[in-house]
PDB file of N, CA and C in Angstrom:
ATOM      1  N   MET A   1     279.533 -31.312 -43.251  1.00  0.00           N
ATOM      2  CA  MET A   1     280.145 -31.039 -41.968  1.00  0.00           C
ATOM      3  C   MET A   1     279.475 -31.813 -40.841  1.00  0.00           C
ATOM      4  N   GLY A   2     278.933 -32.974 -41.130  1.00  0.00           N
ATOM      5  CA  GLY A   2     278.255 -33.749 -40.104  1.00  0.00           C
ATOM      6  C   GLY A   2     279.191 -34.548 -39.209  1.00  0.00           C
ATOM      7  N   ASN A   3     280.467 -34.631 -39.548  1.00  0.00           N
ATOM      8  CA  ASN A   3     281.411 -35.424 -38.757  1.00  0.00           C
ATOM      9  C   ASN A   3     282.363 -34.554 -37.958  1.00  0.00           C
ATOM     10  N   ILE A   4     281.842 -33.521 -37.341  1.00  0.00           N
ATOM     11  CA  ILE A   4     282.665 -32.631 -36.537  1.00  0.00           C
ATOM     12  C   ILE A   4     282.403 -32.936 -35.071  1.00  0.00           C
ATOM     13  N   CYS A   5     283.473 -32.975 -34.304  1.00  0.00           N
ATOM     14  CA  CYS A   5     283.345 -33.244 -32.879  1.00  0.00           C
ATOM     15  C   CYS A   5     284.281 -32.312 -32.113  1.00  0.00           C
ATOM     16  N   TRP A   6     283.846 -31.828 -30.992  1.00  0.00           N
ATOM     17  CA  TRP A   6     284.643 -30.932 -30.179  1.00  0.00           C
ATOM     18  C   TRP A   6     285.019 -31.684 -28.906  1.00  0.00           C
ATOM     19  N   TYR A   7     286.318 -31.856 -28.691  1.00  0.00           N
ATOM     20  CA  TYR A   7     286.814 -32.520 -27.488  1.00  0.00           C
ATOM     21  C   TYR A   7     287.275 -31.460 -26.506  1.00  0.00           C
ATOM     22  N   THR A   8     287.042 -31.705 -25.244  1.00  0.00           N
ATOM     23  CA  THR A   8     287.419 -30.743 -24.216  1.00  0.00           C
ATOM     24  C   THR A   8     287.980 -31.472 -23.007  1.00  0.00           C
ATOM     25  N   ASN A   9     288.750 -30.756 -22.215  1.00  0.00           N
ATOM     26  CA  ASN A   9     289.220 -31.330 -20.958  1.00  0.00           C
ATOM     27  C   ASN A   9     288.457 -30.724 -19.778  1.00  0.00           C
ATOM     28  N   LEU A  10     287.351 -30.036 -20.064  1.00  0.00           N
ATOM     29  CA  LEU A  10     286.508 -29.497 -19.010  1.00  0.00           C
ATOM     30  C   LEU A  10     285.790 -30.651 -18.302  1.00  0.00           C
ATOM     31  N   GLU A  11     285.568 -30.491 -17.026  1.00  0.00           N
ATOM     32  CA  GLU A  11     284.886 -31.519 -16.244  1.00  0.00           C
ATOM     33  C   GLU A  11     283.406 -31.572 -16.612  1.00  0.00           C
ATOM     34  N   ILE A  12     282.958 -32.748 -17.011  1.00  0.00           N
ATOM     35  CA  ILE A  12     281.538 -33.005 -17.225  1.00  0.00           C
ATOM     36  C   ILE A  12     281.220 -34.337 -16.562  1.00  0.00           C
ATOM     37  N   SER A  13     279.967 -34.592 -16.277  1.00  0.00           N
ATOM     38  CA  SER A  13     279.602 -35.811 -15.542  1.00  0.00           C
ATOM     39  C   SER A  13     280.007 -37.077 -16.290  1.00  0.00           C
ATOM     40  N   ARG A  14     279.926 -37.062 -17.620  1.00  0.00           N
ATOM     41  CA  ARG A  14     280.244 -38.237 -18.426  1.00  0.00           C
ATOM     42  C   ARG A  14     281.716 -38.626 -18.333  1.00  0.00           C
ATOM     43  N   THR A  15     282.588 -37.686 -17.935  1.00  0.00           N
ATOM     44  CA  THR A  15     284.022 -37.941 -17.842  1.00  0.00           C
ATOM     45  C   THR A  15     284.336 -39.062 -16.850  1.00  0.00           C
ATOM     46  N   HIS A  16     283.463 -39.307 -15.912  1.00  0.00           N
ATOM     47  CA  HIS A  16     283.735 -40.294 -14.869  1.00  0.00           C
ATOM     48  C   HIS A  16     282.942 -41.592 -15.037  1.00  0.00           C
ATOM     49  N   ASP A  17     282.268 -41.762 -16.179  1.00  0.00           N
ATOM     50  CA  ASP A  17     281.574 -43.013 -16.465  1.00  0.00           C
ATOM     51  C   ASP A  17     282.604 -44.092 -16.780  1.00  0.00           C
ATOM     52  N   VAL A  18     282.451 -45.257 -16.187  1.00  0.00           N
ATOM     53  CA  VAL A  18     283.381 -46.363 -16.419  1.00  0.00           C
ATOM     54  C   VAL A  18     283.057 -47.023 -17.755  1.00  0.00           C
ATOM     55  N   LEU A  19     284.095 -47.191 -18.573  1.00  0.00           N
ATOM     56  CA  LEU A  19     283.945 -47.871 -19.858  1.00  0.00           C
ATOM     57  C   LEU A  19     284.102 -49.367 -19.611  1.00  0.00           C
ATOM     58  N   ASP A  20     283.018 -50.110 -19.782  1.00  0.00           N
ATOM     59  CA  ASP A  20     283.033 -51.554 -19.556  1.00  0.00           C
ATOM     60  C   ASP A  20     282.542 -52.227 -20.836  1.00  0.00           C
ATOM     61  N   THR A  21     283.466 -52.744 -21.627  1.00  0.00           N
ATOM     62  CA  THR A  21     283.088 -53.305 -22.917  1.00  0.00           C
ATOM     63  C   THR A  21     282.713 -54.782 -22.835  1.00  0.00           C
ATOM     64  N   GLY A  22     283.196 -55.470 -21.828  1.00  0.00           N
ATOM     65  CA  GLY A  22     282.902 -56.891 -21.710  1.00  0.00           C
ATOM     66  C   GLY A  22     283.757 -57.766 -22.609  1.00  0.00           C
ATOM     67  N   LYS A  23     284.675 -57.178 -23.358  1.00  0.00           N
ATOM     68  CA  LYS A  23     285.545 -57.946 -24.256  1.00  0.00           C
ATOM     69  C   LYS A  23     286.741 -58.494 -23.481  1.00  0.00           C
ATOM     70  N   ARG A  24     287.198 -59.661 -23.890  1.00  0.00           N
ATOM     71  CA  ARG A  24     288.376 -60.300 -23.283  1.00  0.00           C
ATOM     72  C   ARG A  24     289.517 -60.298 -24.287  1.00  0.00           C
ATOM     73  N   TYR A  25     290.730 -60.146 -23.785  1.00  0.00           N
ATOM     74  CA  TYR A  25     291.911 -60.133 -24.648  1.00  0.00           C
ATOM     75  C   TYR A  25     292.238 -61.542 -25.132  1.00  0.00           C
ATOM     76  N   SER A  26     292.566 -61.646 -26.413  1.00  0.00           N
ATOM     77  CA  SER A  26     293.131 -62.871 -26.968  1.00  0.00           C
ATOM     78  C   SER A  26     294.091 -62.446 -28.078  1.00  0.00           C
ATOM     79  N   PRO A  27     295.282 -63.060 -28.140  1.00  0.00           N
ATOM     80  CA  PRO A  27     296.272 -62.675 -29.153  1.00  0.00           C
ATOM     81  C   PRO A  27     295.770 -62.874 -30.585  1.00  0.00           C
ATOM     82  N   GLU A  28     294.818 -63.776 -30.792  1.00  0.00           N
ATOM     83  CA  GLU A  28     294.280 -64.008 -32.126  1.00  0.00           C
ATOM     84  C   GLU A  28     293.415 -62.835 -32.594  1.00  0.00           C
ATOM     85  N   LYS A  29     292.673 -62.249 -31.685  1.00  0.00           N
ATOM     86  CA  LYS A  29     291.763 -61.151 -32.032  1.00  0.00           C
ATOM     87  C   LYS A  29     292.484 -59.806 -32.101  1.00  0.00           C
ATOM     88  N   TYR A  30     293.437 -59.571 -31.205  1.00  0.00           N
ATOM     89  CA  TYR A  30     294.130 -58.279 -31.124  1.00  0.00           C
ATOM     90  C   TYR A  30     295.573 -58.440 -31.592  1.00  0.00           C
ATOM     91  N   LYS A  31     295.859 -57.953 -32.787  1.00  0.00           N
ATOM     92  CA  LYS A  31     297.211 -58.066 -33.332  1.00  0.00           C
ATOM     93  C   LYS A  31     298.116 -56.987 -32.748  1.00  0.00           C
ATOM     94  N   LYS A  32     299.411 -57.331 -32.625  1.00  0.00           N
ATOM     95  CA  LYS A  32     300.397 -56.356 -32.158  1.00  0.00           C
ATOM     96  C   LYS A  32     300.943 -55.576 -33.338  1.00  0.00           C
ATOM     97  N   TYR A  33     301.252 -54.316 -33.092  1.00  0.00           N
ATOM     98  CA  TYR A  33     301.907 -53.499 -34.106  1.00  0.00           C
ATOM     99  C   TYR A  33     303.331 -53.993 -34.298  1.00  0.00           C
ATOM    100  N   GLU A  34     303.842 -53.814 -35.493  1.00  0.00           N
ATOM    101  CA  GLU A  34     305.221 -54.195 -35.782  1.00  0.00           C
ATOM    102  C   GLU A  34     306.207 -53.143 -35.290  1.00  0.00           C
ATOM    103  N   ASN A  35     305.740 -51.923 -35.116  1.00  0.00           N
ATOM    104  CA  ASN A  35     306.636 -50.845 -34.711  1.00  0.00           C
ATOM    105  C   ASN A  35     306.299 -50.222 -33.361  1.00  0.00           C
ATOM    106  N   TYR A  36     305.320 -50.748 -32.678  1.00  0.00           N
ATOM    107  CA  TYR A  36     304.979 -50.315 -31.317  1.00  0.00           C
ATOM    108  C   TYR A  36     304.719 -51.556 -30.476  1.00  0.00           C
ATOM    109  N   ASN A  37     305.066 -51.483 -29.224  1.00  0.00           N
ATOM    110  CA  ASN A  37     304.769 -52.566 -28.302  1.00  0.00           C
ATOM    111  C   ASN A  37     303.358 -52.323 -27.767  1.00  0.00           C
ATOM    112  N   ALA A  38     302.388 -52.487 -28.663  1.00  0.00           N
ATOM    113  CA  ALA A  38     300.994 -52.213 -28.338  1.00  0.00           C
ATOM    114  C   ALA A  38     300.111 -53.066 -29.232  1.00  0.00           C
ATOM    115  N   ILE A  39     298.875 -53.267 -28.783  1.00  0.00           N
ATOM    116  CA  ILE A  39     297.912 -54.002 -29.598  1.00  0.00           C
ATOM    117  C   ILE A  39     297.018 -53.020 -30.351  1.00  0.00           C
ATOM    118  N   HIS A  40     296.489 -53.467 -31.469  1.00  0.00           N
ATOM    119  CA  HIS A  40     295.590 -52.671 -32.301  1.00  0.00           C
ATOM    120  C   HIS A  40     294.149 -53.003 -31.927  1.00  0.00           C
ATOM    121  N   VAL A  41     293.376 -51.969 -31.613  1.00  0.00           N
ATOM    122  CA  VAL A  41     291.963 -52.146 -31.272  1.00  0.00           C
ATOM    123  C   VAL A  41     291.141 -51.437 -32.348  1.00  0.00           C
ATOM    124  N   GLU A  42     290.280 -52.184 -33.019  1.00  0.00           N
ATOM    125  CA  GLU A  42     289.501 -51.645 -34.146  1.00  0.00           C
ATOM    126  C   GLU A  42     288.505 -50.566 -33.733  1.00  0.00           C
ATOM    127  N   SER A  43     287.771 -50.784 -32.648  1.00  0.00           N
ATOM    128  CA  SER A  43     286.770 -49.793 -32.229  1.00  0.00           C
ATOM    129  C   SER A  43     286.752 -49.698 -30.703  1.00  0.00           C
ATOM    130  N   VAL A  44     286.159 -48.634 -30.206  1.00  0.00           N
ATOM    131  CA  VAL A  44     286.116 -48.397 -28.760  1.00  0.00           C
ATOM    132  C   VAL A  44     285.381 -49.535 -28.053  1.00  0.00           C
ATOM    133  N   THR A  45     284.365 -50.080 -28.678  1.00  0.00           N
ATOM    134  CA  THR A  45     283.608 -51.166 -28.047  1.00  0.00           C
ATOM    135  C   THR A  45     284.409 -52.463 -27.979  1.00  0.00           C
ATOM    136  N   ASP A  46     285.549 -52.515 -28.679  1.00  0.00           N
ATOM    137  CA  ASP A  46     286.402 -53.707 -28.667  1.00  0.00           C
ATOM    138  C   ASP A  46     287.565 -53.615 -27.675  1.00  0.00           C
ATOM    139  N   ILE A  47     287.640 -52.552 -26.878  1.00  0.00           N
ATOM    140  CA  ILE A  47     288.730 -52.429 -25.916  1.00  0.00           C
ATOM    141  C   ILE A  47     288.614 -53.563 -24.901  1.00  0.00           C
ATOM    142  N   PRO A  48     289.659 -54.397 -24.768  1.00  0.00           N
ATOM    143  CA  PRO A  48     289.574 -55.510 -23.816  1.00  0.00           C
ATOM    144  C   PRO A  48     289.668 -55.027 -22.376  1.00  0.00           C
ATOM    145  N   MET A  49     288.790 -55.537 -21.542  1.00  0.00           N
ATOM    146  CA  MET A  49     288.759 -55.094 -20.149  1.00  0.00           C
ATOM    147  C   MET A  49     289.842 -55.764 -19.303  1.00  0.00           C
ATOM    148  N   ASP A  50     290.471 -56.807 -19.824  1.00  0.00           N
ATOM    149  CA  ASP A  50     291.447 -57.557 -19.029  1.00  0.00           C
ATOM    150  C   ASP A  50     292.870 -57.417 -19.569  1.00  0.00           C
ATOM    151  N   TYR A  51     293.153 -56.367 -20.340  1.00  0.00           N
ATOM    152  CA  TYR A  51     294.486 -56.168 -20.900  1.00  0.00           C
ATOM    153  C   TYR A  51     295.122 -54.946 -20.246  1.00  0.00           C
ATOM    154  N   ASP A  52     296.314 -55.116 -19.672  1.00  0.00           N
ATOM    155  CA  ASP A  52     296.977 -54.029 -18.955  1.00  0.00           C
ATOM    156  C   ASP A  52     298.047 -53.316 -19.765  1.00  0.00           C
ATOM    157  N   GLY A  53     298.375 -53.827 -20.945  1.00  0.00           N
ATOM    158  CA  GLY A  53     299.416 -53.217 -21.774  1.00  0.00           C
ATOM    159  C   GLY A  53     298.911 -52.013 -22.551  1.00  0.00           C
ATOM    160  N   VAL A  54     299.744 -51.535 -23.463  1.00  0.00           N
ATOM    161  CA  VAL A  54     299.410 -50.369 -24.279  1.00  0.00           C
ATOM    162  C   VAL A  54     298.519 -50.798 -25.445  1.00  0.00           C
ATOM    163  N   MET A  55     297.514 -49.958 -25.741  1.00  0.00           N
ATOM    164  CA  MET A  55     296.563 -50.233 -26.813  1.00  0.00           C
ATOM    165  C   MET A  55     296.468 -49.041 -27.744  1.00  0.00           C
ATOM    166  N   GLY A  56     296.352 -49.309 -29.033  1.00  0.00           N
ATOM    167  CA  GLY A  56     296.094 -48.267 -30.018  1.00  0.00           C
ATOM    168  C   GLY A  56     294.614 -48.268 -30.336  1.00  0.00           C
ATOM    169  N   VAL A  57     293.922 -47.194 -29.948  1.00  0.00           N
ATOM    170  CA  VAL A  57     292.465 -47.115 -30.114  1.00  0.00           C
ATOM    171  C   VAL A  57     292.105 -45.946 -31.029  1.00  0.00           C
ATOM    172  N   PRO A  58     290.924 -45.973 -31.643  1.00  0.00           N
ATOM    173  CA  PRO A  58     290.515 -44.866 -32.514  1.00  0.00           C
ATOM    174  C   PRO A  58     290.310 -43.573 -31.728  1.00  0.00           C
ATOM    175  N   VAL A  59     290.341 -42.451 -32.436  1.00  0.00           N
ATOM    176  CA  VAL A  59     290.169 -41.147 -31.794  1.00  0.00           C
ATOM    177  C   VAL A  59     288.801 -41.018 -31.135  1.00  0.00           C
ATOM    178  N   THR A  60     287.819 -41.797 -31.579  1.00  0.00           N
ATOM    179  CA  THR A  60     286.490 -41.753 -30.961  1.00  0.00           C
ATOM    180  C   THR A  60     286.519 -42.225 -29.509  1.00  0.00           C
ATOM    181  N   PHE A  61     287.654 -42.776 -29.084  1.00  0.00           N
ATOM    182  CA  PHE A  61     287.836 -43.153 -27.684  1.00  0.00           C
ATOM    183  C   PHE A  61     287.560 -41.967 -26.761  1.00  0.00           C
ATOM    184  N   PHE A  62     287.885 -40.760 -27.223  1.00  0.00           N
ATOM    185  CA  PHE A  62     287.723 -39.577 -26.369  1.00  0.00           C
ATOM    186  C   PHE A  62     286.269 -39.306 -26.009  1.00  0.00           C
ATOM    187  N   THR A  63     285.315 -39.869 -26.731  1.00  0.00           N
ATOM    188  CA  THR A  63     283.914 -39.691 -26.353  1.00  0.00           C
ATOM    189  C   THR A  63     283.564 -40.535 -25.133  1.00  0.00           C
ATOM    190  N   LYS A  64     284.394 -41.523 -24.807  1.00  0.00           N
ATOM    191  CA  LYS A  64     284.161 -42.413 -23.656  1.00  0.00           C
ATOM    192  C   LYS A  64     285.276 -42.320 -22.617  1.00  0.00           C
ATOM    193  N   TYR A  65     286.244 -41.434 -22.824  1.00  0.00           N
ATOM    194  CA  TYR A  65     287.448 -41.362 -21.993  1.00  0.00           C
ATOM    195  C   TYR A  65     287.146 -41.028 -20.538  1.00  0.00           C
ATOM    196  N   ASN A  66     287.678 -41.842 -19.654  1.00  0.00           N
ATOM    197  CA  ASN A  66     287.589 -41.625 -18.215  1.00  0.00           C
ATOM    198  C   ASN A  66     289.030 -41.557 -17.702  1.00  0.00           C
ATOM    199  N   PRO A  67     289.509 -40.373 -17.273  1.00  0.00           N
ATOM    200  CA  PRO A  67     290.893 -40.229 -16.835  1.00  0.00           C
ATOM    201  C   PRO A  67     291.230 -41.025 -15.571  1.00  0.00           C
ATOM    202  N   GLU A  68     290.220 -41.531 -14.893  1.00  0.00           N
ATOM    203  CA  GLU A  68     290.468 -42.370 -13.721  1.00  0.00           C
ATOM    204  C   GLU A  68     290.646 -43.838 -14.112  1.00  0.00           C
ATOM    205  N   GLN A  69     290.308 -44.178 -15.352  1.00  0.00           N
ATOM    206  CA  GLN A  69     290.356 -45.553 -15.822  1.00  0.00           C
ATOM    207  C   GLN A  69     291.508 -45.795 -16.799  1.00  0.00           C
ATOM    208  N   TYR A  70     291.814 -44.811 -17.654  1.00  0.00           N
ATOM    209  CA  TYR A  70     292.862 -44.948 -18.674  1.00  0.00           C
ATOM    210  C   TYR A  70     293.763 -43.722 -18.685  1.00  0.00           C
ATOM    211  N   LYS A  71     295.038 -43.937 -19.016  1.00  0.00           N
ATOM    212  CA  LYS A  71     295.923 -42.802 -19.256  1.00  0.00           C
ATOM    213  C   LYS A  71     296.239 -42.758 -20.745  1.00  0.00           C
ATOM    214  N   VAL A  72     296.308 -41.561 -21.281  1.00  0.00           N
ATOM    215  CA  VAL A  72     296.613 -41.343 -22.692  1.00  0.00           C
ATOM    216  C   VAL A  72     298.120 -41.139 -22.810  1.00  0.00           C
ATOM    217  N   LEU A  73     298.771 -41.986 -23.617  1.00  0.00           N
ATOM    218  CA  LEU A  73     300.219 -41.905 -23.781  1.00  0.00           C
ATOM    219  C   LEU A  73     300.622 -41.040 -24.960  1.00  0.00           C
ATOM    220  N   GLY A  74     299.801 -40.995 -25.995  1.00  0.00           N
ATOM    221  CA  GLY A  74     300.137 -40.199 -27.165  1.00  0.00           C
ATOM    222  C   GLY A  74     299.400 -40.664 -28.396  1.00  0.00           C
ATOM    223  N   LEU A  75     299.942 -40.289 -29.552  1.00  0.00           N
ATOM    224  CA  LEU A  75     299.327 -40.559 -30.844  1.00  0.00           C
ATOM    225  C   LEU A  75     300.334 -41.271 -31.731  1.00  0.00           C
ATOM    226  N   THR A  76     299.918 -42.324 -32.426  1.00  0.00           N
ATOM    227  CA  THR A  76     300.859 -43.080 -33.254  1.00  0.00           C
ATOM    228  C   THR A  76     301.338 -42.299 -34.463  1.00  0.00           C
ATOM    229  N   ASP A  77     300.559 -41.364 -34.953  1.00  0.00           N
ATOM    230  CA  ASP A  77     300.897 -40.652 -36.181  1.00  0.00           C
ATOM    231  C   ASP A  77     301.649 -39.348 -35.931  1.00  0.00           C
ATOM    232  N   SER A  78     301.929 -39.032 -34.696  1.00  0.00           N
ATOM    233  CA  SER A  78     302.499 -37.743 -34.337  1.00  0.00           C
ATOM    234  C   SER A  78     303.988 -37.660 -34.636  1.00  0.00           C
ATOM    235  N   THR A  79     304.429 -36.473 -34.999  1.00  0.00           N
ATOM    236  CA  THR A  79     305.867 -36.236 -35.124  1.00  0.00           C
ATOM    237  C   THR A  79     306.409 -35.696 -33.810  1.00  0.00           C
ATOM    238  N   ASP A  80     305.521 -35.404 -32.875  1.00  0.00           N
ATOM    239  CA  ASP A  80     305.900 -34.928 -31.554  1.00  0.00           C
ATOM    240  C   ASP A  80     305.891 -36.129 -30.616  1.00  0.00           C
ATOM    241  N   PHE A  81     307.024 -36.797 -30.481  1.00  0.00           N
ATOM    242  CA  PHE A  81     307.076 -38.026 -29.711  1.00  0.00           C
ATOM    243  C   PHE A  81     307.388 -37.741 -28.250  1.00  0.00           C
ATOM    244  N   SER A  82     306.460 -38.086 -27.397  1.00  0.00           N
ATOM    245  CA  SER A  82     306.696 -37.940 -25.964  1.00  0.00           C
ATOM    246  C   SER A  82     307.531 -39.125 -25.499  1.00  0.00           C
ATOM    247  N   GLU A  83     308.069 -39.018 -24.312  1.00  0.00           N
ATOM    248  CA  GLU A  83     308.872 -40.114 -23.751  1.00  0.00           C
ATOM    249  C   GLU A  83     308.027 -41.373 -23.600  1.00  0.00           C
ATOM    250  N   GLU A  84     306.741 -41.213 -23.268  1.00  0.00           N
ATOM    251  CA  GLU A  84     305.878 -42.386 -23.092  1.00  0.00           C
ATOM    252  C   GLU A  84     305.650 -43.109 -24.417  1.00  0.00           C
ATOM    253  N   VAL A  85     305.489 -42.352 -25.508  1.00  0.00           N
ATOM    254  CA  VAL A  85     305.307 -42.981 -26.818  1.00  0.00           C
ATOM    255  C   VAL A  85     306.607 -43.642 -27.248  1.00  0.00           C
ATOM    256  N   GLU A  86     307.735 -42.981 -27.016  1.00  0.00           N
ATOM    257  CA  GLU A  86     309.032 -43.575 -27.357  1.00  0.00           C
ATOM    258  C   GLU A  86     309.254 -44.867 -26.579  1.00  0.00           C
ATOM    259  N   ALA A  87     308.733 -44.926 -25.359  1.00  0.00           N
ATOM    260  CA  ALA A  87     308.924 -46.118 -24.536  1.00  0.00           C
ATOM    261  C   ALA A  87     308.216 -47.332 -25.110  1.00  0.00           C
ATOM    262  N   VAL A  88     307.133 -47.126 -25.858  1.00  0.00           N
ATOM    263  CA  VAL A  88     306.414 -48.271 -26.425  1.00  0.00           C
ATOM    264  C   VAL A  88     306.790 -48.523 -27.884  1.00  0.00           C
ATOM    265  N   ARG A  89     307.591 -47.615 -28.469  1.00  0.00           N
ATOM    266  CA  ARG A  89     308.030 -47.807 -29.853  1.00  0.00           C
ATOM    267  C   ARG A  89     309.142 -48.843 -29.876  1.00  0.00           C
ATOM    268  N   ILE A  90     309.072 -49.745 -30.826  1.00  0.00           N
ATOM    269  CA  ILE A  90     310.109 -50.765 -30.970  1.00  0.00           C
ATOM    270  C   ILE A  90     311.317 -50.110 -31.638  1.00  0.00           C
ATOM    271  N   PRO A  91     312.518 -50.223 -31.056  1.00  0.00           N
ATOM    272  CA  PRO A  91     313.704 -49.536 -31.592  1.00  0.00           C
ATOM    273  C   PRO A  91     313.977 -49.878 -33.060  1.00  0.00           C
ATOM    274  N   ASN A  92     314.535 -48.899 -33.762  1.00  0.00           N
ATOM    275  CA  ASN A  92     314.942 -49.039 -35.166  1.00  0.00           C
ATOM    276  C   ASN A  92     313.781 -49.358 -36.103  1.00  0.00           C
ATOM    277  N   THR A  93     312.607 -48.836 -35.819  1.00  0.00           N
ATOM    278  CA  THR A  93     311.461 -49.049 -36.697  1.00  0.00           C
ATOM    279  C   THR A  93     310.860 -47.706 -37.092  1.00  0.00           C
ATOM    280  N   PHE A  94     310.007 -47.744 -38.105  1.00  0.00           N
ATOM    281  CA  PHE A  94     309.261 -46.563 -38.546  1.00  0.00           C
ATOM    282  C   PHE A  94     308.472 -46.014 -37.374  1.00  0.00           C
ATOM    283  N   ARG A  95     308.438 -44.696 -37.220  1.00  0.00           N
ATOM    284  CA  ARG A  95     307.841 -44.097 -36.034  1.00  0.00           C
ATOM    285  C   ARG A  95     306.414 -43.596 -36.199  1.00  0.00           C
ATOM    286  N   GLY A  96     305.879 -43.533 -37.397  1.00  0.00           N
ATOM    287  CA  GLY A  96     304.558 -42.942 -37.603  1.00  0.00           C
ATOM    288  C   GLY A  96     303.419 -43.845 -37.180  1.00  0.00           C
ATOM    289  N   ARG A  97     302.478 -44.049 -38.074  1.00  0.00           N
ATOM    290  CA  ARG A  97     301.320 -44.888 -37.769  1.00  0.00           C
ATOM    291  C   ARG A  97     301.728 -46.318 -37.471  1.00  0.00           C
ATOM    292  N   GLY A  98     300.864 -47.023 -36.761  1.00  0.00           N
ATOM    293  CA  GLY A  98     301.120 -48.419 -36.465  1.00  0.00           C
ATOM    294  C   GLY A  98     301.086 -49.273 -37.717  1.00  0.00           C
ATOM    295  N   ILE A  99     301.932 -50.298 -37.755  1.00  0.00           N
ATOM    296  CA  ILE A  99     302.004 -51.192 -38.911  1.00  0.00           C
ATOM    297  C   ILE A  99     301.630 -52.607 -38.470  1.00  0.00           C
ATOM    298  N   ILE A 100     300.743 -53.237 -39.238  1.00  0.00           N
ATOM    299  CA  ILE A 100     300.368 -54.635 -39.020  1.00  0.00           C
ATOM    300  C   ILE A 100     300.407 -55.328 -40.375  1.00  0.00           C
ATOM    301  N   ASP A 101     301.098 -56.453 -40.436  1.00  0.00           N
ATOM    302  CA  ASP A 101     301.261 -57.208 -41.682  1.00  0.00           C
ATOM    303  C   ASP A 101     301.810 -56.330 -42.809  1.00  0.00           C
ATOM    304  N   GLY A 102     302.730 -55.434 -42.469  1.00  0.00           N
ATOM    305  CA  GLY A 102     303.381 -54.580 -43.450  1.00  0.00           C
ATOM    306  C   GLY A 102     302.544 -53.415 -43.947  1.00  0.00           C
ATOM    307  N   LYS A 103     301.342 -53.230 -43.400  1.00  0.00           N
ATOM    308  CA  LYS A 103     300.460 -52.155 -43.849  1.00  0.00           C
ATOM    309  C   LYS A 103     300.217 -51.161 -42.721  1.00  0.00           C
ATOM    310  N   GLN A 104     300.260 -49.869 -43.085  1.00  0.00           N
ATOM    311  CA  GLN A 104     299.986 -48.830 -42.103  1.00  0.00           C
ATOM    312  C   GLN A 104     298.505 -48.804 -41.757  1.00  0.00           C
ATOM    313  N   LYS A 105     298.231 -48.653 -40.493  1.00  0.00           N
ATOM    314  CA  LYS A 105     296.859 -48.492 -40.012  1.00  0.00           C
ATOM    315  C   LYS A 105     296.576 -47.002 -39.837  1.00  0.00           C
ATOM    316  N   TYR A 106     295.319 -46.654 -39.628  1.00  0.00           N
ATOM    317  CA  TYR A 106     294.983 -45.266 -39.333  1.00  0.00           C
ATOM    318  C   TYR A 106     295.661 -44.857 -38.031  1.00  0.00           C
ATOM    319  N   ALA A 107     295.849 -43.554 -37.858  1.00  0.00           N
ATOM    320  CA  ALA A 107     296.439 -43.047 -36.619  1.00  0.00           C
ATOM    321  C   ALA A 107     295.596 -43.506 -35.436  1.00  0.00           C
ATOM    322  N   ARG A 108     296.236 -43.841 -34.360  1.00  0.00           N
ATOM    323  CA  ARG A 108     295.554 -44.313 -33.161  1.00  0.00           C
ATOM    324  C   ARG A 108     296.055 -43.559 -31.934  1.00  0.00           C
ATOM    325  N   ILE A 109     295.178 -43.453 -30.958  1.00  0.00           N
ATOM    326  CA  ILE A 109     295.537 -42.909 -29.657  1.00  0.00           C
ATOM    327  C   ILE A 109     296.112 -44.067 -28.853  1.00  0.00           C
ATOM    328  N   LEU A 110     297.275 -43.880 -28.259  1.00  0.00           N
ATOM    329  CA  LEU A 110     297.875 -44.921 -27.424  1.00  0.00           C
ATOM    330  C   LEU A 110     297.420 -44.708 -25.984  1.00  0.00           C
ATOM    331  N   ILE A 111     296.767 -45.723 -25.438  1.00  0.00           N
ATOM    332  CA  ILE A 111     296.251 -45.637 -24.067  1.00  0.00           C
ATOM    333  C   ILE A 111     296.729 -46.841 -23.264  1.00  0.00           C
ATOM    334  N   GLN A 112     296.611 -46.709 -21.955  1.00  0.00           N
ATOM    335  CA  GLN A 112     296.915 -47.831 -21.060  1.00  0.00           C
ATOM    336  C   GLN A 112     296.004 -47.753 -19.864  1.00  0.00           C
ATOM    337  N   LYS A 113     295.544 -48.893 -19.437  1.00  0.00           N
ATOM    338  CA  LYS A 113     294.657 -48.985 -18.284  1.00  0.00           C
ATOM    339  C   LYS A 113     295.421 -48.547 -17.030  1.00  0.00           C
ATOM    340  N   ILE A 114     294.775 -47.778 -16.184  1.00  0.00           N
ATOM    341  CA  ILE A 114     295.380 -47.386 -14.914  1.00  0.00           C
ATOM    342  C   ILE A 114     295.153 -48.511 -13.920  1.00  0.00           C
ATOM    343  N   LYS A 115     296.242 -48.957 -13.331  1.00  0.00           N
ATOM    344  CA  LYS A 115     296.146 -50.059 -12.365  1.00  0.00           C
ATOM    345  C   LYS A 115     295.580 -49.546 -11.039  1.00  0.00           C
ATOM    346  N   GLU A 116     294.977 -50.461 -10.312  1.00  0.00           N
ATOM    347  CA  GLU A 116     294.414 -50.148  -8.999  1.00  0.00           C
ATOM    348  C   GLU A 116     295.462 -49.481  -8.112  1.00  0.00           C
ATOM    349  N   GLY A 117     295.136 -48.330  -7.557  1.00  0.00           N
ATOM    350  CA  GLY A 117     296.061 -47.616  -6.677  1.00  0.00           C
ATOM    351  C   GLY A 117     297.014 -46.692  -7.408  1.00  0.00           C
ATOM    352  N   GLU A 118     297.077 -46.733  -8.736  1.00  0.00           N
ATOM    353  CA  GLU A 118     297.953 -45.864  -9.526  1.00  0.00           C
ATOM    354  C   GLU A 118     297.194 -44.615  -9.936  1.00  0.00           C
ATOM    355  N   LYS A 119     297.785 -43.490  -9.866  1.00  0.00           N
ATOM    356  CA  LYS A 119     297.160 -42.230 -10.316  1.00  0.00           C
ATOM    357  C   LYS A 119     298.204 -41.322 -10.871  1.00  0.00           C
TER     358      LYS A 119
END
């Protein structure tokens, strides 16, 4: 039971720490899903700081989540599709986990950077 984590929406000081990975977006490094209009990000430390589109990130993102920096759109593996997740899903495609090169990836949290002045 060493891999248990408790996520909360309670206010803690760490909630407002800015996530600055220093990574830059390049289409060669970040592949797009075949069934979502989003890029696949392997780990939280690989989140590109200069990408404004939708990203599929691992669930461990919640350990670094800052609601002033990113908005959470949903989950790729969910059967409960919100309007925001439907908006990034490519029409007439499989709706579950993200697919790259014909292979399903692990479930990902869909996030998007909050633009300056947007809340």
